[in-house]
Protein backbone atom coordinates (compact mmCIF):
# COMPACT_ATOMS: atom_id res chain seq x y z
CA UNK A 1 89.98 105.55 98.45
CA UNK A 2 87.86 107.85 96.29
CA UNK A 3 88.91 111.50 96.32
CA UNK A 4 86.55 114.36 96.10
CA UNK A 5 86.72 116.19 92.81
CA UNK A 6 87.01 119.72 94.33
CA UNK A 7 86.72 123.07 92.62
CA UNK A 8 90.49 123.51 93.07
CA UNK A 9 91.29 120.14 91.46
CA UNK A 10 89.01 120.91 88.49
CA UNK A 11 90.69 124.27 88.07
CA UNK A 12 94.23 122.88 88.18
CA UNK A 13 93.23 120.24 85.62
CA UNK A 14 91.70 122.92 83.42
CA UNK A 15 94.97 124.87 83.56
CA UNK A 16 97.14 121.87 82.76
CA UNK A 17 94.90 121.35 79.71
CA UNK A 18 95.20 125.02 78.63
CA UNK A 19 98.95 125.20 78.91
CA UNK A 20 101.46 123.14 76.83
CA UNK A 21 103.43 120.92 79.24
CA UNK A 22 103.60 123.45 82.02
CA UNK A 23 105.62 123.24 85.17
CA UNK A 24 103.93 123.59 88.58
CA UNK A 25 104.81 127.23 88.79
CA UNK A 26 103.16 127.96 85.45
CA UNK A 27 100.03 126.07 86.53
CA UNK A 28 99.96 128.06 89.80
CA UNK A 29 100.26 131.36 87.99
CA UNK A 30 97.28 130.59 85.68
CA UNK A 31 95.31 129.28 88.49
CA UNK A 32 96.00 132.52 90.58
CA UNK A 33 94.82 134.60 87.64
CA UNK A 34 91.51 132.77 87.60
CA UNK A 35 91.04 132.33 91.29
CA UNK A 36 93.47 134.40 93.38
CA UNK A 37 92.55 132.81 96.70
CA UNK A 38 93.85 129.39 95.78
CA UNK A 39 97.30 128.84 97.48
CA UNK A 40 100.52 127.49 95.74
CA UNK A 41 100.42 124.57 98.20
CA UNK A 42 96.93 123.63 97.01
CA UNK A 43 97.89 123.75 93.31
CA UNK A 44 101.05 121.64 93.97
CA UNK A 45 99.19 119.08 96.08
CA UNK A 46 96.47 118.74 93.37
CA UNK A 47 99.04 118.38 90.64
CA UNK A 48 100.48 115.50 92.71
CA UNK A 49 97.05 113.92 93.29
CA UNK A 50 96.07 114.21 89.61
CA UNK A 51 99.36 112.53 88.61
CA UNK A 52 98.99 109.92 91.28
CA UNK A 53 95.49 108.97 90.15
CA UNK A 54 96.61 108.88 86.46
CA UNK A 55 94.46 111.79 85.26
CA UNK A 56 97.54 113.76 84.03
CA UNK A 57 101.12 112.73 83.17
CA UNK A 58 104.32 113.95 84.70
CA UNK A 59 107.19 114.62 82.32
CA UNK A 60 110.57 114.37 84.02
CA UNK A 61 113.02 116.08 81.82
CA UNK A 62 116.66 115.99 82.43
CA UNK A 63 116.67 119.79 82.85
CA UNK A 64 114.74 122.03 85.13
CA UNK A 65 111.39 121.45 86.75
CA UNK A 66 109.09 118.45 85.97
CA UNK A 67 106.34 119.30 83.60
CA UNK A 68 102.76 118.11 83.45
CA UNK A 69 100.84 116.78 80.52
CA UNK A 70 97.12 116.48 80.02
CA UNK A 71 97.67 113.22 78.13
CA UNK A 72 98.33 110.64 80.85
CA UNK A 73 99.13 107.69 78.48
CA UNK A 74 102.81 107.02 77.89
CA UNK A 75 104.24 108.84 74.82
CA UNK A 76 107.42 110.51 73.77
CA UNK A 77 108.40 114.08 74.14
CA UNK A 78 110.64 116.59 72.51
CA UNK A 79 112.40 119.18 74.52
CA UNK A 80 113.95 122.25 72.84
CA UNK A 81 117.50 122.83 74.18
CA UNK A 82 117.12 126.59 73.39
CA UNK A 83 113.75 127.70 74.75
CA UNK A 84 113.10 124.75 76.99
CA UNK A 85 109.57 124.05 75.77
CA UNK A 86 108.36 120.46 75.79
CA UNK A 87 106.31 119.07 72.93
CA UNK A 88 104.51 115.68 72.23
CA UNK A 89 106.69 113.77 69.85
CA UNK A 90 103.98 112.19 67.84
CA UNK A 91 106.45 111.45 65.07
CA UNK A 92 107.89 108.60 67.20
CA UNK A 93 105.62 105.91 68.65
CA UNK A 94 105.96 104.84 72.29
CA UNK A 95 108.07 101.69 72.35
CA UNK A 96 106.64 99.93 75.38
CA UNK A 97 103.26 101.35 76.37
CA UNK A 98 102.51 98.43 78.64
CA UNK A 99 104.78 96.30 80.85
CA UNK A 100 106.79 93.84 78.74
CA UNK A 101 109.58 91.34 78.89
CA UNK A 102 112.47 92.48 76.72
CA UNK A 103 115.94 90.93 76.58
CA UNK A 104 115.38 89.25 80.04
CA UNK A 105 114.26 92.49 81.62
CA UNK A 106 110.76 93.28 82.83
CA UNK A 107 110.13 96.80 81.50
CA UNK A 108 107.41 98.64 83.45
CA UNK A 109 107.55 101.96 81.65
CA UNK A 110 109.65 103.72 79.06
CA UNK A 111 110.15 107.55 78.82
CA UNK A 112 111.69 108.77 75.62
CA UNK A 113 112.69 112.38 75.39
CA UNK A 114 114.24 113.76 72.11
CA UNK A 115 116.31 116.95 72.60
CA UNK A 116 117.14 119.47 69.87
CA UNK A 117 115.69 122.69 68.44
CA UNK A 118 111.97 123.35 67.95
CA UNK A 119 110.95 124.87 64.64
CA UNK A 120 110.81 128.42 66.07
CA UNK A 121 114.32 128.23 67.58
CA UNK A 122 115.69 126.41 64.55
CA UNK A 123 114.53 129.35 62.37
CA UNK A 124 116.54 131.86 64.53
CA UNK A 125 119.84 130.19 63.40
């Protein structure tokens, strides 16, 4: 089923691209600044649809709300335990970008999350 590319969906996507790994509420706040009549439910629904169709990625961290990523392809992330920001961990390649058989298991996806201190928080110590 082909979905319409509505103005709201384009705006949500634009906001995800502007922000660095935002949660749904952060996306909503930026959308509301740009277009105040767009409801929170519309933003959340469009985040779900964009994730479902593979246009954006969803980053499930062990802490707090899920985050969204304008890069939909599998890749590793780093989460700062102090400020909570999520960054792309380009320093570490994604081990299994496609389904693979490993040690008798059929691996469909792999999500690697590094946790520590980002450079800004590390400088505060």
